[in-house]
Amino acid sequence: APAVLQFLRTFTNPFILILLFLVVVMVFTDI
């Protein structure tokens, strides 16, 4: 796949998705 699509696919890892969710929550709670 194109490089951009390959890079975006790396974020589909389940652990990374959980961390991204926590980042969003912390943006609201801490900032």
PDB file of all heavy atoms in Angstrom:
ATOM      1  N   ALA A   1       0.843  -1.192   0.000  1.00  0.00           N
ATOM      2  CA  ALA A   1       0.000   0.000   0.000  1.00  0.00           C
ATOM      3  C   ALA A   1       0.883   1.248   0.000  1.00  0.00           C
ATOM      4  O   ALA A   1       2.071   1.186   0.319  1.00  0.00           O
ATOM      5  CB  ALA A   1      -0.918  -0.023   1.218  1.00  0.00           C
ATOM      6  N   PRO A   2       0.323   2.405  -0.352  1.00  0.00           N
ATOM      7  CA  PRO A   2       1.103   3.647  -0.258  1.00  0.00           C
ATOM      8  C   PRO A   2       1.641   3.864   1.149  1.00  0.00           C
ATOM      9  O   PRO A   2       1.069   3.387   2.136  1.00  0.00           O
ATOM     10  CB  PRO A   2       0.071   4.722  -0.649  1.00  0.00           C
ATOM     11  CG  PRO A   2      -0.936   4.004  -1.480  1.00  0.00           C
ATOM     12  CD  PRO A   2      -1.010   2.614  -0.933  1.00  0.00           C
ATOM     13  N   ALA A   3       2.747   4.595   1.228  1.00  0.00           N
ATOM     14  CA  ALA A   3       3.426   4.783   2.513  1.00  0.00           C
ATOM     15  C   ALA A   3       2.503   5.407   3.563  1.00  0.00           C
ATOM     16  O   ALA A   3       2.511   4.995   4.728  1.00  0.00           O
ATOM     17  CB  ALA A   3       4.671   5.643   2.316  1.00  0.00           C
ATOM     18  N   VAL A   4       1.698   6.375   3.145  1.00  0.00           N
ATOM     19  CA  VAL A   4       0.805   7.040   4.100  1.00  0.00           C
ATOM     20  C   VAL A   4      -0.200   6.044   4.669  1.00  0.00           C
ATOM     21  O   VAL A   4      -0.465   6.013   5.887  1.00  0.00           O
ATOM     22  CB  VAL A   4       0.074   8.217   3.429  1.00  0.00           C
ATOM     23  CG1 VAL A   4      -0.936   8.835   4.387  1.00  0.00           C
ATOM     24  CG2 VAL A   4       1.077   9.277   2.971  1.00  0.00           C
ATOM     25  N   LEU A   5      -0.754   5.195   3.795  1.00  0.00           N
ATOM     26  CA  LEU A   5      -1.730   4.211   4.255  1.00  0.00           C
ATOM     27  C   LEU A   5      -1.077   3.170   5.160  1.00  0.00           C
ATOM     28  O   LEU A   5      -1.663   2.748   6.168  1.00  0.00           O
ATOM     29  CB  LEU A   5      -2.384   3.528   3.047  1.00  0.00           C
ATOM     30  CG  LEU A   5      -3.522   2.553   3.343  1.00  0.00           C
ATOM     31  CD1 LEU A   5      -4.635   3.245   4.111  1.00  0.00           C
ATOM     32  CD2 LEU A   5      -4.061   1.947   2.052  1.00  0.00           C
ATOM     33  N   GLN A   6       0.144   2.763   4.828  1.00  0.00           N
ATOM     34  CA  GLN A   6       0.858   1.821   5.692  1.00  0.00           C
ATOM     35  C   GLN A   6       1.088   2.421   7.077  1.00  0.00           C
ATOM     36  O   GLN A   6       0.966   1.729   8.092  1.00  0.00           O
ATOM     37  CB  GLN A   6       2.207   1.448   5.060  1.00  0.00           C
ATOM     38  CG  GLN A   6       2.096   0.562   3.830  1.00  0.00           C
ATOM     39  CD  GLN A   6       3.452   0.076   3.364  1.00  0.00           C
ATOM     40  OE1 GLN A   6       4.245  -0.427   4.142  1.00  0.00           O
ATOM     41  NE2 GLN A   6       3.735   0.238   2.078  1.00  0.00           N
ATOM     42  N   PHE A   7       1.435   3.701   7.117  1.00  0.00           N
ATOM     43  CA  PHE A   7       1.683   4.353   8.397  1.00  0.00           C
ATOM     44  C   PHE A   7       0.398   4.421   9.230  1.00  0.00           C
ATOM     45  O   PHE A   7       0.405   4.169  10.426  1.00  0.00           O
ATOM     46  CB  PHE A   7       2.249   5.745   8.175  1.00  0.00           C
ATOM     47  CG  PHE A   7       2.560   6.489   9.440  1.00  0.00           C
ATOM     48  CD1 PHE A   7       3.605   6.090  10.256  1.00  0.00           C
ATOM     49  CD2 PHE A   7       1.800   7.583   9.830  1.00  0.00           C
ATOM     50  CE1 PHE A   7       3.891   6.761  11.438  1.00  0.00           C
ATOM     51  CE2 PHE A   7       2.071   8.264  11.000  1.00  0.00           C
ATOM     52  CZ  PHE A   7       3.122   7.855  11.803  1.00  0.00           C
ATOM     53  N   LEU A   8      -0.716   4.757   8.582  1.00  0.00           N
ATOM     54  CA  LEU A   8      -1.985   4.840   9.309  1.00  0.00           C
ATOM     55  C   LEU A   8      -2.432   3.472   9.821  1.00  0.00           C
ATOM     56  O   LEU A   8      -3.049   3.368  10.886  1.00  0.00           O
ATOM     57  CB  LEU A   8      -3.062   5.443   8.408  1.00  0.00           C
ATOM     58  CG  LEU A   8      -2.854   6.915   7.999  1.00  0.00           C
ATOM     59  CD1 LEU A   8      -3.951   7.362   7.049  1.00  0.00           C
ATOM     60  CD2 LEU A   8      -2.818   7.811   9.243  1.00  0.00           C
ATOM     61  N   ARG A   9      -2.106   2.411   9.070  1.00  0.00           N
ATOM     62  CA  ARG A   9      -2.500   1.070   9.497  1.00  0.00           C
ATOM     63  C   ARG A   9      -1.792   0.646  10.770  1.00  0.00           C
ATOM     64  O   ARG A   9      -2.305  -0.204  11.519  1.00  0.00           O
ATOM     65  CB  ARG A   9      -2.199   0.064   8.385  1.00  0.00           C
ATOM     66  CG  ARG A   9      -3.188   0.101   7.228  1.00  0.00           C
ATOM     67  CD  ARG A   9      -2.790  -0.889   6.153  1.00  0.00           C
ATOM     68  NE  ARG A   9      -3.738  -0.878   5.044  1.00  0.00           N
ATOM     69  CZ  ARG A   9      -3.572  -1.564   3.911  1.00  0.00           C
ATOM     70  NH1 ARG A   9      -2.494  -2.313   3.751  1.00  0.00           N
ATOM     71  NH2 ARG A   9      -4.476  -1.497   2.954  1.00  0.00           N
ATOM     72  N   THR A  10      -0.619   1.196  11.037  1.00  0.00           N
ATOM     73  CA  THR A  10       0.092   0.823  12.258  1.00  0.00           C
ATOM     74  C   THR A  10      -0.655   1.260  13.506  1.00  0.00           C
ATOM     75  O   THR A  10      -0.432   0.725  14.586  1.00  0.00           O
ATOM     76  CB  THR A  10       1.504   1.437  12.265  1.00  0.00           C
ATOM     77  OG1 THR A  10       1.401   2.867  12.185  1.00  0.00           O
ATOM     78  CG2 THR A  10       2.325   0.930  11.090  1.00  0.00           C
ATOM     79  N   PHE A  11      -1.568   2.225  13.373  1.00  0.00           N
ATOM     80  CA  PHE A  11      -2.331   2.701  14.526  1.00  0.00           C
ATOM     81  C   PHE A  11      -3.543   1.830  14.828  1.00  0.00           C
ATOM     82  O   PHE A  11      -4.278   2.106  15.772  1.00  0.00           O
ATOM     83  CB  PHE A  11      -2.795   4.139  14.295  1.00  0.00           C
ATOM     84  CG  PHE A  11      -1.680   5.148  14.333  1.00  0.00           C
ATOM     85  CD1 PHE A  11      -1.035   5.520  13.172  1.00  0.00           C
ATOM     86  CD2 PHE A  11      -1.254   5.712  15.520  1.00  0.00           C
ATOM     87  CE1 PHE A  11       0.000   6.446  13.184  1.00  0.00           C
ATOM     88  CE2 PHE A  11      -0.228   6.632  15.556  1.00  0.00           C
ATOM     89  CZ  PHE A  11       0.407   7.002  14.381  1.00  0.00           C
ATOM     90  N   THR A  12      -3.767   0.794  14.015  1.00  0.00           N
ATOM     91  CA  THR A  12      -4.913  -0.089  14.245  1.00  0.00           C
ATOM     92  C   THR A  12      -4.599  -1.179  15.263  1.00  0.00           C
ATOM     93  O   THR A  12      -5.456  -2.004  15.565  1.00  0.00           O
ATOM     94  CB  THR A  12      -5.360  -0.747  12.933  1.00  0.00           C
ATOM     95  OG1 THR A  12      -4.262  -1.486  12.374  1.00  0.00           O
ATOM     96  CG2 THR A  12      -5.813   0.314  11.932  1.00  0.00           C
ATOM     97  N   ASN A  13      -3.369  -1.192  15.785  1.00  0.00           N
ATOM     98  CA  ASN A  13      -3.027  -2.141  16.838  1.00  0.00           C
ATOM     99  C   ASN A  13      -3.935  -1.914  18.057  1.00  0.00           C
ATOM    100  O   ASN A  13      -4.131  -0.771  18.479  1.00  0.00           O
ATOM    101  CB  ASN A  13      -1.559  -1.954  17.232  1.00  0.00           C
ATOM    102  CG  ASN A  13      -1.118  -2.936  18.296  1.00  0.00           C
ATOM    103  OD1 ASN A  13      -1.361  -2.724  19.475  1.00  0.00           O
ATOM    104  ND2 ASN A  13      -0.456  -4.002  17.874  1.00  0.00           N
ATOM    105  N   PRO A  14      -4.517  -2.963  18.623  1.00  0.00           N
ATOM    106  CA  PRO A  14      -5.466  -2.779  19.744  1.00  0.00           C
ATOM    107  C   PRO A  14      -4.902  -1.986  20.908  1.00  0.00           C
ATOM    108  O   PRO A  14      -5.585  -1.121  21.474  1.00  0.00           O
ATOM    109  CB  PRO A  14      -5.801  -4.221  20.149  1.00  0.00           C
ATOM    110  CG  PRO A  14      -5.578  -5.025  18.921  1.00  0.00           C
ATOM    111  CD  PRO A  14      -4.440  -4.382  18.216  1.00  0.00           C
ATOM    112  N   PHE A  15      -3.663  -2.256  21.302  1.00  0.00           N
ATOM    113  CA  PHE A  15      -3.063  -1.526  22.415  1.00  0.00           C
ATOM    114  C   PHE A  15      -2.925  -0.042  22.086  1.00  0.00           C
ATOM    115  O   PHE A  15      -3.176   0.822  22.928  1.00  0.00           O
ATOM    116  CB  PHE A  15      -1.684  -2.106  22.749  1.00  0.00           C
ATOM    117  CG  PHE A  15      -1.754  -3.245  23.723  1.00  0.00           C
ATOM    118  CD1 PHE A  15      -1.127  -4.448  23.450  1.00  0.00           C
ATOM    119  CD2 PHE A  15      -2.434  -3.106  24.913  1.00  0.00           C
ATOM    120  CE1 PHE A  15      -1.185  -5.498  24.346  1.00  0.00           C
ATOM    121  CE2 PHE A  15      -2.506  -4.151  25.826  1.00  0.00           C
ATOM    122  CZ  PHE A  15      -1.878  -5.351  25.535  1.00  0.00           C
ATOM    123  N   ILE A  16      -2.500   0.242  20.853  1.00  0.00           N
ATOM    124  CA  ILE A  16      -2.337   1.642  20.457  1.00  0.00           C
ATOM    125  C   ILE A  16      -3.679   2.356  20.438  1.00  0.00           C
ATOM    126  O   ILE A  16      -3.784   3.532  20.820  1.00  0.00           O
ATOM    127  CB  ILE A  16      -1.636   1.731  19.092  1.00  0.00           C
ATOM    128  CG1 ILE A  16      -0.175   1.269  19.229  1.00  0.00           C
ATOM    129  CG2 ILE A  16      -1.695   3.145  18.521  1.00  0.00           C
ATOM    130  CD1 ILE A  16       0.625   1.345  17.952  1.00  0.00           C
ATOM    131  N   LEU A  17      -4.729   1.660  20.028  1.00  0.00           N
ATOM    132  CA  LEU A  17      -6.059   2.272  20.033  1.00  0.00           C
ATOM    133  C   LEU A  17      -6.494   2.627  21.457  1.00  0.00           C
ATOM    134  O   LEU A  17      -7.086   3.690  21.692  1.00  0.00           O
ATOM    135  CB  LEU A  17      -7.071   1.319  19.390  1.00  0.00           C
ATOM    136  CG  LEU A  17      -6.918   1.088  17.881  1.00  0.00           C
ATOM    137  CD1 LEU A  17      -7.927   0.065  17.388  1.00  0.00           C
ATOM    138  CD2 LEU A  17      -7.099   2.405  17.116  1.00  0.00           C
ATOM    139  N   ILE A  18      -6.185   1.748  22.410  1.00  0.00           N
ATOM    140  CA  ILE A  18      -6.527   2.057  23.806  1.00  0.00           C
ATOM    141  C   ILE A  18      -5.747   3.276  24.288  1.00  0.00           C
ATOM    142  O   ILE A  18      -6.299   4.173  24.954  1.00  0.00           O
ATOM    143  CB  ILE A  18      -6.228   0.835  24.699  1.00  0.00           C
ATOM    144  CG1 ILE A  18      -7.201  -0.310  24.371  1.00  0.00           C
ATOM    145  CG2 ILE A  18      -6.349   1.205  26.174  1.00  0.00           C
ATOM    146  CD1 ILE A  18      -6.937  -1.572  25.158  1.00  0.00           C
ATOM    147  N   LEU A  19      -4.463   3.336  23.941  1.00  0.00           N
ATOM    148  CA  LEU A  19      -3.653   4.479  24.350  1.00  0.00           C
ATOM    149  C   LEU A  19      -4.156   5.775  23.714  1.00  0.00           C
ATOM    150  O   LEU A  19      -4.174   6.832  24.355  1.00  0.00           O
ATOM    151  CB  LEU A  19      -2.185   4.243  23.983  1.00  0.00           C
ATOM    152  CG  LEU A  19      -1.463   3.114  24.726  1.00  0.00           C
ATOM    153  CD1 LEU A  19      -0.024   2.995  24.253  1.00  0.00           C
ATOM    154  CD2 LEU A  19      -1.513   3.340  26.235  1.00  0.00           C
ATOM    155  N   LEU A  20      -4.572   5.698  22.453  1.00  0.00           N
ATOM    156  CA  LEU A  20      -5.113   6.892  21.801  1.00  0.00           C
ATOM    157  C   LEU A  20      -6.396   7.349  22.495  1.00  0.00           C
ATOM    158  O   LEU A  20      -6.638   8.561  22.634  1.00  0.00           O
ATOM    159  CB  LEU A  20      -5.384   6.597  20.312  1.00  0.00           C
ATOM    160  CG  LEU A  20      -4.144   6.424  19.425  1.00  0.00           C
ATOM    161  CD1 LEU A  20      -4.568   6.041  18.009  1.00  0.00           C
ATOM    162  CD2 LEU A  20      -3.318   7.705  19.389  1.00  0.00           C
ATOM    163  N   PHE A  21      -7.211   6.401  22.903  1.00  0.00           N
ATOM    164  CA  PHE A  21      -8.422   6.758  23.633  1.00  0.00           C
ATOM    165  C   PHE A  21      -8.073   7.454  24.950  1.00  0.00           C
ATOM    166  O   PHE A  21      -8.698   8.464  25.330  1.00  0.00           O
ATOM    167  CB  PHE A  21      -9.259   5.502  23.889  1.00  0.00           C
ATOM    168  CG  PHE A  21     -10.450   5.738  24.777  1.00  0.00           C
ATOM    169  CD1 PHE A  21     -11.579   6.391  24.292  1.00  0.00           C
ATOM    170  CD2 PHE A  21     -10.445   5.311  26.101  1.00  0.00           C
ATOM    171  CE1 PHE A  21     -12.676   6.618  25.113  1.00  0.00           C
ATOM    172  CE2 PHE A  21     -11.531   5.533  26.921  1.00  0.00           C
ATOM    173  CZ  PHE A  21     -12.657   6.191  26.416  1.00  0.00           C
ATOM    174  N   LEU A  22      -7.070   6.937  25.654  1.00  0.00           N
ATOM    175  CA  LEU A  22      -6.647   7.562  26.905  1.00  0.00           C
ATOM    176  C   LEU A  22      -6.077   8.961  26.664  1.00  0.00           C
ATOM    177  O   LEU A  22      -6.264   9.870  27.483  1.00  0.00           O
ATOM    178  CB  LEU A  22      -5.612   6.689  27.611  1.00  0.00           C
ATOM    179  CG  LEU A  22      -6.111   5.341  28.139  1.00  0.00           C
ATOM    180  CD1 LEU A  22      -4.970   4.571  28.787  1.00  0.00           C
ATOM    181  CD2 LEU A  22      -7.251   5.550  29.134  1.00  0.00           C
ATOM    182  N   VAL A  23      -5.370   9.148  25.542  1.00  0.00           N
ATOM    183  CA  VAL A  23      -4.842  10.477  25.208  1.00  0.00           C
ATOM    184  C   VAL A  23      -5.980  11.468  25.038  1.00  0.00           C
ATOM    185  O   VAL A  23      -5.926  12.610  25.526  1.00  0.00           O
ATOM    186  CB  VAL A  23      -3.968  10.403  23.936  1.00  0.00           C
ATOM    187  CG1 VAL A  23      -3.668  11.807  23.422  1.00  0.00           C
ATOM    188  CG2 VAL A  23      -2.674   9.671  24.225  1.00  0.00           C
ATOM    189  N   VAL A  24      -7.041  11.041  24.337  1.00  0.00           N
ATOM    190  CA  VAL A  24      -8.193  11.919  24.132  1.00  0.00           C
ATOM    191  C   VAL A  24      -8.835  12.279  25.476  1.00  0.00           C
ATOM    192  O   VAL A  24      -9.189  13.438  25.731  1.00  0.00           O
ATOM    193  CB  VAL A  24      -9.223  11.248  23.197  1.00  0.00           C
ATOM    194  CG1 VAL A  24     -10.494  12.088  23.113  1.00  0.00           C
ATOM    195  CG2 VAL A  24      -8.633  11.055  21.814  1.00  0.00           C
ATOM    196  N   VAL A  25      -8.986  11.276  26.353  1.00  0.00           N
ATOM    197  CA  VAL A  25      -9.576  11.539  27.668  1.00  0.00           C
ATOM    198  C   VAL A  25      -8.710  12.508  28.465  1.00  0.00           C
ATOM    199  O   VAL A  25      -9.211  13.463  29.095  1.00  0.00           O
ATOM    200  CB  VAL A  25      -9.771  10.217  28.440  1.00  0.00           C
ATOM    201  CG1 VAL A  25     -10.230  10.500  29.874  1.00  0.00           C
ATOM    202  CG2 VAL A  25     -10.792   9.330  27.734  1.00  0.00           C
ATOM    203  N   MET A  26      -7.386  12.281  28.428  1.00  0.00           N
ATOM    204  CA  MET A  26      -6.485  13.154  29.179  1.00  0.00           C
ATOM    205  C   MET A  26      -6.452  14.569  28.622  1.00  0.00           C
ATOM    206  O   MET A  26      -6.192  15.530  29.354  1.00  0.00           O
ATOM    207  CB  MET A  26      -5.079  12.553  29.205  1.00  0.00           C
ATOM    208  CG  MET A  26      -4.945  11.359  30.149  1.00  0.00           C
ATOM    209  SD  MET A  26      -3.232  10.809  30.391  1.00  0.00           S
ATOM    210  CE  MET A  26      -2.864  10.177  28.767  1.00  0.00           C
ATOM    211  N   VAL A  27      -6.683  14.724  27.334  1.00  0.00           N
ATOM    212  CA  VAL A  27      -6.747  16.070  26.750  1.00  0.00           C
ATOM    213  C   VAL A  27      -7.879  16.863  27.406  1.00  0.00           C
ATOM    214  O   VAL A  27      -7.731  18.060  27.726  1.00  0.00           O
ATOM    215  CB  VAL A  27      -6.934  15.989  25.224  1.00  0.00           C
ATOM    216  CG1 VAL A  27      -7.348  17.353  24.664  1.00  0.00           C
ATOM    217  CG2 VAL A  27      -5.655  15.523  24.560  1.00  0.00           C
ATOM    218  N   PHE A  28      -9.016  16.197  27.610  1.00  0.00           N
ATOM    219  CA  PHE A  28     -10.152  16.891  28.224  1.00  0.00           C
ATOM    220  C   PHE A  28      -9.941  17.088  29.726  1.00  0.00           C
ATOM    221  O   PHE A  28     -10.256  18.147  30.270  1.00  0.00           O
ATOM    222  CB  PHE A  28     -11.448  16.111  27.977  1.00  0.00           C
ATOM    223  CG  PHE A  28     -11.955  16.235  26.571  1.00  0.00           C
ATOM    224  CD1 PHE A  28     -11.650  15.276  25.619  1.00  0.00           C
ATOM    225  CD2 PHE A  28     -12.731  17.324  26.195  1.00  0.00           C
ATOM    226  CE1 PHE A  28     -12.116  15.392  24.321  1.00  0.00           C
ATOM    227  CE2 PHE A  28     -13.200  17.445  24.897  1.00  0.00           C
ATOM    228  CZ  PHE A  28     -12.886  16.485  23.954  1.00  0.00           C
ATOM    229  N   THR A  29      -9.415  16.062  30.410  1.00  0.00           N
ATOM    230  CA  THR A  29      -9.299  16.148  31.871  1.00  0.00           C
ATOM    231  C   THR A  29      -8.122  17.001  32.326  1.00  0.00           C
ATOM    232  O   THR A  29      -8.219  17.735  33.316  1.00  0.00           O
ATOM    233  CB  THR A  29      -9.172  14.742  32.465  1.00  0.00           C
ATOM    234  OG1 THR A  29      -8.024  14.085  31.896  1.00  0.00           O
ATOM    235  CG2 THR A  29     -10.417  13.924  32.190  1.00  0.00           C
ATOM    236  N   ASP A  30      -6.992  16.915  31.616  1.00  0.00           N
ATOM    237  CA  ASP A  30      -5.780  17.610  32.063  1.00  0.00           C
ATOM    238  C   ASP A  30      -5.554  18.962  31.384  1.00  0.00           C
ATOM    239  O   ASP A  30      -4.752  19.761  31.877  1.00  0.00           O
ATOM    240  CB  ASP A  30      -4.544  16.729  31.823  1.00  0.00           C
ATOM    241  CG  ASP A  30      -4.577  15.444  32.632  1.00  0.00           C
ATOM    242  OD1 ASP A  30      -5.417  15.367  33.546  1.00  0.00           O
ATOM    243  OD2 ASP A  30      -3.783  14.532  32.345  1.00  0.00           O
ATOM    244  N   ILE A  31      -6.235  19.188  30.267  1.00  0.00           N
ATOM    245  CA  ILE A  31      -5.974  20.427  29.526  1.00  0.00           C
ATOM    246  C   ILE A  31      -7.236  21.267  29.388  1.00  0.00           C
ATOM    247  O   ILE A  31      -7.296  22.419  29.840  1.00  0.00           O
ATOM    248  CB  ILE A  31      -5.381  20.108  28.137  1.00  0.00           C
ATOM    249  CG1 ILE A  31      -4.046  19.360  28.286  1.00  0.00           C
ATOM    250  CG2 ILE A  31      -5.179  21.388  27.334  1.00  0.00           C
ATOM    251  CD1 ILE A  31      -3.425  18.929  26.976  1.00  0.00           C
TER     252      ILE A  31
END
